[in-house]
């Protein structure tokens, strides 16, 4: 079965789903189309474009990495050991102490 897709325009969800079934044929075209027409981020009513995942849902490794990044890049001296809940609390407390923009 063949389908005519206009690769010079943004693809509809249906066109993208159909083309993704045939990666050997359409992979390069899908990538080129996505590069030319990147998906737009959905705006939220509060003005933030990215959904923030609460620290309590981060892994312990992610929490430790973020704390170490802040310590190195921002001159912080935040605690880097403890349970996952304790590390999440360290980041939450640090966020609260920061001046709001």
N, C-alpha and C. Protein backbone atom coordinates (compact mmCIF):
# COMPACT_ATOMS: atom_id res chain seq x y z
N UNK A 1 0.84 -1.17 0.00
CA UNK A 1 0.00 0.00 0.00
C UNK A 1 0.89 1.23 0.00
N UNK A 2 0.53 2.20 -0.78
CA UNK A 2 1.34 3.41 -0.85
C UNK A 2 0.49 4.60 -0.45
N UNK A 3 1.16 5.62 0.04
CA UNK A 3 0.47 6.82 0.48
C UNK A 3 1.30 8.01 0.03
N UNK A 4 0.65 9.02 -0.47
CA UNK A 4 1.35 10.23 -0.89
C UNK A 4 1.47 11.18 0.30
N UNK A 5 2.70 11.51 0.66
CA UNK A 5 2.95 12.44 1.76
C UNK A 5 3.73 13.62 1.20
N UNK A 6 3.27 14.82 1.53
CA UNK A 6 3.98 16.03 1.12
C UNK A 6 5.00 16.35 2.21
N UNK A 7 6.27 15.99 1.96
CA UNK A 7 7.34 16.14 2.94
C UNK A 7 7.79 17.59 3.11
N UNK A 8 7.26 18.51 2.28
CA UNK A 8 7.64 19.92 2.36
C UNK A 8 6.77 20.70 3.33
N UNK A 9 5.85 20.01 3.99
CA UNK A 9 4.95 20.62 4.97
C UNK A 9 5.03 19.83 6.27
N UNK A 10 4.62 20.45 7.38
CA UNK A 10 4.58 19.68 8.64
C UNK A 10 3.64 18.49 8.48
N UNK A 11 4.04 17.35 9.05
CA UNK A 11 3.24 16.14 8.94
C UNK A 11 2.13 16.13 9.99
N UNK A 12 1.02 15.56 9.60
CA UNK A 12 -0.05 15.35 10.58
C UNK A 12 0.34 14.15 11.44
N UNK A 13 -0.34 13.97 12.55
CA UNK A 13 -0.06 12.82 13.41
C UNK A 13 -0.28 11.52 12.65
N UNK A 14 -1.33 11.48 11.83
CA UNK A 14 -1.64 10.27 11.06
C UNK A 14 -0.56 9.97 10.03
N UNK A 15 -0.07 11.00 9.34
CA UNK A 15 0.99 10.81 8.35
C UNK A 15 2.28 10.32 9.03
N UNK A 16 2.61 10.94 10.17
CA UNK A 16 3.82 10.55 10.89
C UNK A 16 3.70 9.09 11.35
N UNK A 17 2.57 8.73 11.93
CA UNK A 17 2.38 7.36 12.40
C UNK A 17 2.48 6.36 11.26
N UNK A 18 1.90 6.69 10.09
CA UNK A 18 1.96 5.79 8.95
C UNK A 18 3.41 5.63 8.48
N UNK A 19 4.15 6.73 8.35
CA UNK A 19 5.53 6.68 7.86
C UNK A 19 6.45 5.95 8.84
N UNK A 20 6.18 6.06 10.13
CA UNK A 20 7.02 5.40 11.14
C UNK A 20 6.93 3.89 11.06
N UNK A 21 5.91 3.36 10.39
CA UNK A 21 5.77 1.91 10.23
C UNK A 21 6.82 1.36 9.27
N UNK A 22 7.43 2.23 8.47
CA UNK A 22 8.38 1.81 7.44
C UNK A 22 9.71 2.56 7.62
N UNK A 23 10.42 2.28 8.72
CA UNK A 23 11.64 3.05 9.00
C UNK A 23 12.72 2.90 7.93
N UNK A 24 12.78 1.76 7.29
CA UNK A 24 13.79 1.58 6.25
C UNK A 24 13.57 2.48 5.05
N UNK A 25 12.34 2.88 4.82
CA UNK A 25 12.01 3.71 3.67
C UNK A 25 11.92 5.18 4.05
N UNK A 26 11.33 5.47 5.20
CA UNK A 26 11.00 6.86 5.53
C UNK A 26 11.81 7.49 6.66
N UNK A 27 12.73 6.76 7.26
CA UNK A 27 13.45 7.30 8.43
C UNK A 27 14.13 8.63 8.12
N UNK A 28 14.85 8.69 7.03
CA UNK A 28 15.56 9.93 6.67
C UNK A 28 14.60 11.07 6.40
N UNK A 29 13.49 10.76 5.73
CA UNK A 29 12.50 11.80 5.43
C UNK A 29 11.82 12.30 6.71
N UNK A 30 11.54 11.38 7.63
CA UNK A 30 10.95 11.78 8.91
C UNK A 30 11.89 12.70 9.68
N UNK A 31 13.18 12.34 9.71
CA UNK A 31 14.16 13.17 10.42
C UNK A 31 14.28 14.55 9.79
N UNK A 32 14.34 14.58 8.46
CA UNK A 32 14.47 15.86 7.76
C UNK A 32 13.24 16.73 7.99
N UNK A 33 12.07 16.12 7.96
CA UNK A 33 10.84 16.87 8.17
C UNK A 33 10.78 17.40 9.60
N UNK A 34 11.19 16.58 10.57
CA UNK A 34 11.18 17.00 11.97
C UNK A 34 12.17 18.14 12.20
N UNK A 35 13.32 18.10 11.50
CA UNK A 35 14.30 19.17 11.64
C UNK A 35 13.79 20.47 11.03
N UNK A 36 13.09 20.35 9.90
CA UNK A 36 12.57 21.54 9.22
C UNK A 36 11.35 22.11 9.94
N UNK A 37 10.55 21.24 10.53
CA UNK A 37 9.33 21.66 11.23
C UNK A 37 9.31 21.05 12.62
N UNK A 38 10.13 21.60 13.55
CA UNK A 38 10.18 21.02 14.89
C UNK A 38 8.83 21.16 15.59
N UNK A 39 8.49 20.17 16.42
CA UNK A 39 7.23 20.26 17.14
C UNK A 39 7.26 21.46 18.08
N UNK A 40 6.16 22.18 18.14
CA UNK A 40 6.09 23.35 19.02
C UNK A 40 5.74 22.91 20.42
N UNK A 41 6.41 23.52 21.38
CA UNK A 41 6.12 23.22 22.77
C UNK A 41 4.77 23.81 23.13
N UNK A 42 3.99 23.03 23.84
CA UNK A 42 2.69 23.53 24.27
C UNK A 42 2.87 24.53 25.41
N UNK A 43 2.23 25.68 25.27
CA UNK A 43 2.33 26.68 26.31
C UNK A 43 1.29 26.40 27.39
N UNK A 44 1.66 26.69 28.61
CA UNK A 44 0.74 26.51 29.71
C UNK A 44 0.17 27.87 30.12
N UNK A 45 -0.89 27.86 30.85
CA UNK A 45 -1.54 29.09 31.26
C UNK A 45 -0.68 29.92 32.21
N UNK A 46 0.18 29.24 32.98
CA UNK A 46 1.00 29.99 33.93
C UNK A 46 2.26 30.56 33.30
N UNK A 47 2.44 30.35 32.00
CA UNK A 47 3.57 30.93 31.29
C UNK A 47 4.80 30.05 31.22
N UNK A 48 4.81 28.95 31.96
CA UNK A 48 5.97 28.05 31.87
C UNK A 48 5.75 27.06 30.74
N UNK A 49 6.80 26.82 29.98
CA UNK A 49 6.69 25.95 28.82
C UNK A 49 7.06 24.50 29.14
N UNK A 50 7.77 24.28 30.20
CA UNK A 50 8.19 22.93 30.53
C UNK A 50 7.54 22.49 31.83
N UNK A 51 7.11 21.26 31.85
CA UNK A 51 6.52 20.71 33.06
C UNK A 51 7.65 20.26 33.97
N UNK A 52 7.66 20.76 35.18
CA UNK A 52 8.71 20.41 36.12
C UNK A 52 8.31 19.17 36.89
N UNK A 53 9.23 18.22 36.95
CA UNK A 53 9.00 16.99 37.70
C UNK A 53 9.48 17.24 39.12
N UNK A 54 8.63 16.98 40.12
CA UNK A 54 9.05 17.24 41.51
C UNK A 54 10.25 16.37 41.89
N UNK A 55 11.08 16.91 42.77
CA UNK A 55 12.28 16.20 43.19
C UNK A 55 11.96 14.83 43.79
N UNK A 56 10.79 14.68 44.38
CA UNK A 56 10.43 13.40 44.98
C UNK A 56 10.30 12.29 43.93
N UNK A 57 10.19 12.66 42.66
CA UNK A 57 10.10 11.66 41.60
C UNK A 57 11.44 11.43 40.91
N UNK A 58 12.48 12.17 41.31
CA UNK A 58 13.81 11.98 40.74
C UNK A 58 14.46 10.76 41.40
N UNK A 59 15.37 10.12 40.68
CA UNK A 59 16.13 9.03 41.27
C UNK A 59 17.19 9.62 42.21
N UNK A 60 17.71 8.78 43.08
CA UNK A 60 18.74 9.25 44.01
C UNK A 60 19.96 9.74 43.23
N UNK A 61 20.31 9.05 42.15
CA UNK A 61 21.46 9.46 41.33
C UNK A 61 21.22 10.83 40.70
N UNK A 62 20.02 11.08 40.22
CA UNK A 62 19.69 12.38 39.63
C UNK A 62 19.77 13.49 40.66
N UNK A 63 19.26 13.22 41.85
CA UNK A 63 19.31 14.21 42.93
C UNK A 63 20.76 14.54 43.30
N UNK A 64 21.57 13.49 43.45
CA UNK A 64 22.97 13.68 43.81
C UNK A 64 23.71 14.47 42.73
N UNK A 65 23.44 14.14 41.48
CA UNK A 65 24.09 14.85 40.37
C UNK A 65 23.73 16.33 40.37
N UNK A 66 22.46 16.64 40.60
CA UNK A 66 22.03 18.05 40.63
C UNK A 66 22.66 18.80 41.80
N UNK A 67 22.72 18.15 42.96
CA UNK A 67 23.34 18.80 44.12
C UNK A 67 24.82 19.05 43.85
N UNK A 68 25.52 18.07 43.29
CA UNK A 68 26.93 18.24 42.98
C UNK A 68 27.14 19.33 41.94
N UNK A 69 26.23 19.43 40.97
CA UNK A 69 26.32 20.49 39.96
C UNK A 69 26.20 21.85 40.62
N UNK A 70 25.21 22.00 41.51
CA UNK A 70 25.03 23.28 42.19
C UNK A 70 26.23 23.61 43.06
N UNK A 71 26.78 22.60 43.72
CA UNK A 71 27.96 22.83 44.55
C UNK A 71 29.14 23.30 43.71
N UNK A 72 29.35 22.68 42.56
CA UNK A 72 30.50 23.02 41.72
C UNK A 72 30.29 24.32 40.95
N UNK A 73 29.14 24.48 40.32
CA UNK A 73 28.92 25.63 39.44
C UNK A 73 28.47 26.88 40.17
N UNK A 74 27.79 26.71 41.28
CA UNK A 74 27.20 27.86 41.96
C UNK A 74 27.84 28.14 43.32
N UNK A 75 28.90 27.40 43.64
CA UNK A 75 29.60 27.63 44.90
C UNK A 75 28.79 27.26 46.13
N UNK A 76 27.86 26.36 45.97
CA UNK A 76 27.05 25.91 47.11
C UNK A 76 27.83 24.91 47.94
N UNK A 77 27.33 24.62 49.12
CA UNK A 77 27.91 23.57 49.96
C UNK A 77 26.77 22.71 50.51
N UNK A 78 25.98 22.21 49.57
CA UNK A 78 24.82 21.42 49.93
C UNK A 78 25.22 19.99 50.26
N UNK A 79 24.48 19.37 51.17
CA UNK A 79 24.73 17.99 51.59
C UNK A 79 24.49 17.04 50.42
N UNK A 80 25.44 16.13 50.16
CA UNK A 80 25.33 15.21 49.02
C UNK A 80 25.07 13.77 49.43
N UNK A 81 24.89 13.53 50.71
CA UNK A 81 24.61 12.17 51.16
C UNK A 81 23.29 12.15 51.90
N UNK A 82 22.69 10.97 51.94
CA UNK A 82 21.42 10.80 52.63
C UNK A 82 20.47 9.97 51.81
N UNK A 83 19.27 9.84 52.31
CA UNK A 83 18.26 9.08 51.59
C UNK A 83 17.72 9.90 50.42
N UNK A 84 16.98 9.25 49.58
CA UNK A 84 16.38 9.95 48.43
C UNK A 84 15.49 11.09 48.92
N UNK A 85 14.71 10.86 49.95
CA UNK A 85 13.82 11.89 50.49
C UNK A 85 14.62 13.06 51.07
N UNK A 86 15.72 12.75 51.75
CA UNK A 86 16.57 13.80 52.33
C UNK A 86 17.20 14.66 51.25
N UNK A 87 17.67 14.02 50.16
CA UNK A 87 18.29 14.78 49.07
C UNK A 87 17.26 15.64 48.35
N UNK A 88 16.04 15.12 48.19
CA UNK A 88 14.97 15.91 47.58
C UNK A 88 14.69 17.15 48.44
N UNK A 89 14.68 16.98 49.76
CA UNK A 89 14.45 18.09 50.68
C UNK A 89 15.57 19.12 50.59
N UNK A 90 16.80 18.68 50.41
CA UNK A 90 17.93 19.60 50.26
C UNK A 90 17.70 20.51 49.06
N UNK A 91 17.30 19.92 47.93
CA UNK A 91 17.06 20.72 46.72
C UNK A 91 15.84 21.63 46.88
N UNK A 92 14.78 21.12 47.50
CA UNK A 92 13.59 21.96 47.73
C UNK A 92 13.92 23.16 48.61
N UNK A 93 14.67 22.92 49.66
CA UNK A 93 15.06 24.01 50.56
C UNK A 93 15.94 25.02 49.84
N UNK A 94 16.86 24.53 49.01
CA UNK A 94 17.73 25.43 48.26
C UNK A 94 16.92 26.27 47.28
N UNK A 95 15.95 25.65 46.62
CA UNK A 95 15.09 26.40 45.70
C UNK A 95 14.32 27.49 46.43
N UNK A 96 13.81 27.18 47.61
CA UNK A 96 13.04 28.16 48.38
C UNK A 96 13.90 29.34 48.83
N UNK A 97 15.19 29.07 49.08
CA UNK A 97 16.09 30.13 49.55
C UNK A 97 16.54 31.06 48.43
N UNK A 98 16.32 30.67 47.19
CA UNK A 98 16.76 31.48 46.05
C UNK A 98 15.79 32.64 45.83
N UNK A 99 16.33 33.79 45.41
CA UNK A 99 15.46 34.91 45.10
C UNK A 99 14.60 34.60 43.87
N UNK A 100 13.38 35.02 43.91
CA UNK A 100 12.45 34.79 42.78
C UNK A 100 12.65 35.85 41.72
N UNK A 101 12.59 35.41 40.47
CA UNK A 101 12.78 36.37 39.35
C UNK A 101 11.53 37.14 39.08
